[in-house]
Amino acid sequence: MAISEEEFLARLKPRRGQIKATITNQEFMAGIGNAYSDEILWAAGLHPHRRRATMDEDDLRRLYRSMRAVLEESITIVDATVQGEGLGKKEEWRQHLKVHRRAGEPCPKCGSEIRGQVRSGSETNYCLTCQPLFE
């Protein structure tokens, strides 16, 4: 991954809006879309609608570490899927995702129901127990 933790923090600190919208903004940083933003935020324990302005440095560093871990794991899995099975369907590449498109299923961490919301055709999935919204 080409961005360092310090660069990531420097880019995030002036931002004020909802964290999911921030990390999926391709001008902020290219490459994170809807599915992986759900996974990254779940791994970091951050609610997707939480405002960046309410997060402290520990939250932001945890977000960076989660981003790296989720993307590194996913690259390995997707590469193996594509190489092992040829060019499969997009859905097959996403079977390893833990919360994205899993509304109504139990959270892999705590067992609470994964929530789902759709806005403008884009689905957001999260666990309220693992990702509380406090501002």
Protein backbone atom coordinates (compact mmCIF):
# COMPACT_ATOMS: atom_id res chain seq x y z
CA MET A 1 0.00 0.00 0.00
CA ALA A 2 1.51 3.27 -1.07
CA ILE A 3 0.23 5.52 1.73
CA SER A 4 1.99 5.68 5.08
CA GLU A 5 0.16 5.94 8.39
CA GLU A 6 1.37 9.50 8.89
CA GLU A 7 0.23 10.55 5.40
CA PHE A 8 -3.14 8.90 5.99
CA LEU A 9 -3.58 10.78 9.29
CA ALA A 10 -2.53 14.07 7.71
CA ARG A 11 -5.14 13.63 4.96
CA LEU A 12 -7.87 12.64 7.43
CA LYS A 13 -7.40 15.25 10.13
CA PRO A 14 -8.87 18.24 8.24
CA ARG A 15 -11.92 16.23 7.16
CA ARG A 16 -15.14 16.62 9.16
CA GLY A 17 -17.82 14.50 7.42
CA GLN A 18 -19.01 10.93 7.83
CA ILE A 19 -16.13 8.50 7.82
CA LYS A 20 -17.52 6.13 5.17
CA ALA A 21 -18.04 8.99 2.74
CA THR A 22 -14.52 10.21 3.49
CA ILE A 23 -12.70 6.93 2.91
CA THR A 24 -14.66 6.13 -0.26
CA ASN A 25 -13.97 9.57 -1.72
CA GLN A 26 -11.53 8.83 -4.54
CA GLU A 27 -10.02 12.32 -4.20
CA PHE A 28 -9.13 11.52 -0.58
CA MET A 29 -7.53 8.22 -1.55
CA ALA A 30 -8.21 6.10 -4.60
CA GLY A 31 -9.15 2.45 -4.38
CA ILE A 32 -11.57 1.97 -1.48
CA GLY A 33 -15.11 1.34 -2.62
CA ASN A 34 -18.37 0.56 -0.91
CA ALA A 35 -17.74 -3.11 -0.06
CA TYR A 36 -14.27 -2.68 1.40
CA SER A 37 -15.24 0.46 3.31
CA ASP A 38 -17.85 -1.63 5.18
CA GLU A 39 -15.22 -4.26 5.97
CA ILE A 40 -12.58 -1.73 7.05
CA LEU A 41 -14.96 0.20 9.31
CA TRP A 42 -16.26 -3.03 10.88
CA ALA A 43 -12.70 -4.22 11.55
CA ALA A 44 -11.88 -0.83 13.10
CA GLY A 45 -15.07 -0.77 15.20
CA LEU A 46 -16.18 2.53 13.69
CA HIS A 47 -19.77 3.27 12.66
CA PRO A 48 -19.96 4.28 8.97
CA HIS A 49 -22.04 7.38 9.76
CA ARG A 50 -19.78 8.60 12.53
CA ARG A 51 -18.27 11.97 11.76
CA ARG A 52 -14.51 12.11 11.39
CA ALA A 53 -14.49 15.20 13.59
CA THR A 54 -15.60 13.06 16.59
CA MET A 55 -12.66 10.66 16.25
CA ASP A 56 -9.44 10.88 18.20
CA GLU A 57 -5.98 9.88 17.01
CA ASP A 58 -6.38 6.33 18.38
CA ASP A 59 -9.53 5.89 16.24
CA LEU A 60 -7.70 7.13 13.16
CA ARG A 61 -4.68 4.91 13.72
CA ARG A 62 -6.98 1.91 14.27
CA LEU A 63 -8.74 2.81 11.02
CA TYR A 64 -5.42 2.86 9.16
CA ARG A 65 -4.33 -0.50 10.59
CA SER A 66 -7.72 -2.02 9.76
CA MET A 67 -7.54 -0.67 6.22
CA ARG A 68 -4.14 -2.26 5.68
CA ALA A 69 -5.17 -5.60 7.19
CA VAL A 70 -8.48 -5.87 5.30
CA LEU A 71 -6.96 -4.91 1.96
CA GLU A 72 -3.92 -7.16 2.34
CA GLU A 73 -6.10 -10.14 3.30
CA SER A 74 -8.56 -9.43 0.49
CA ILE A 75 -5.87 -9.05 -2.17
CA THR A 76 -4.51 -12.47 -1.26
CA ILE A 77 -7.96 -14.11 -1.33
CA VAL A 78 -9.12 -12.43 -4.54
CA ASP A 79 -5.84 -13.18 -6.32
CA ALA A 80 -6.11 -16.86 -5.36
CA THR A 81 -9.77 -16.95 -6.46
CA VAL A 82 -9.05 -15.37 -9.83
CA GLN A 83 -5.99 -17.53 -10.50
CA GLY A 84 -7.57 -20.73 -9.25
CA GLU A 85 -10.91 -20.44 -11.00
CA GLY A 86 -10.29 -18.11 -13.87
CA LEU A 87 -12.27 -14.91 -14.08
CA GLY A 88 -15.17 -15.72 -11.77
CA LYS A 89 -18.23 -13.64 -11.07
CA LYS A 90 -17.82 -10.56 -8.90
CA GLU A 91 -19.93 -12.20 -6.17
CA GLU A 92 -17.43 -15.06 -5.89
CA TRP A 93 -14.65 -12.57 -5.22
CA ARG A 94 -16.65 -11.24 -2.26
CA GLN A 95 -17.48 -14.45 -0.42
CA HIS A 96 -14.76 -13.68 2.13
CA LEU A 97 -16.38 -10.39 3.19
CA LYS A 98 -17.65 -10.48 6.75
CA VAL A 99 -20.34 -7.76 6.83
CA HIS A 100 -20.88 -6.32 3.36
CA ARG A 101 -24.18 -7.57 1.89
CA ARG A 102 -24.81 -9.65 5.00
CA ALA A 103 -27.72 -7.66 6.51
CA GLY A 104 -29.81 -9.84 8.78
CA GLU A 105 -27.00 -12.32 9.40
CA PRO A 106 -25.15 -12.59 12.72
CA CYS A 107 -22.02 -10.50 13.19
CA PRO A 108 -18.92 -12.73 13.08
CA LYS A 109 -17.52 -10.99 16.19
CA CYS A 110 -20.49 -10.68 18.54
CA GLY A 111 -23.47 -12.46 17.00
CA SER A 112 -25.70 -9.36 16.85
CA GLU A 113 -27.65 -8.81 13.65
CA ILE A 114 -25.81 -7.02 10.88
CA ARG A 115 -27.74 -3.95 9.79
CA GLY A 116 -28.17 -2.78 6.23
CA GLN A 117 -29.12 0.55 4.71
CA VAL A 118 -29.43 1.51 1.06
CA ARG A 119 -28.94 5.09 -0.10
CA SER A 120 -28.79 6.06 -3.75
CA GLY A 121 -28.37 2.41 -4.70
CA SER A 122 -25.35 1.94 -2.43
CA GLU A 123 -25.62 -0.52 0.47
CA THR A 124 -23.97 0.06 3.84
CA ASN A 125 -23.64 -2.80 6.32
CA TYR A 126 -22.50 -2.64 9.94
CA CYS A 127 -22.97 -4.07 13.43
CA LEU A 128 -24.35 -1.61 16.00
CA THR A 129 -22.80 -3.60 18.84
CA CYS A 130 -19.28 -3.63 17.37
CA GLN A 131 -19.62 -0.25 15.65
CA PRO A 132 -21.56 2.03 17.99
CA LEU A 133 -22.45 5.51 16.81
CA PHE A 134 -21.38 7.95 19.46
CA GLU A 135 -20.69 11.53 18.63
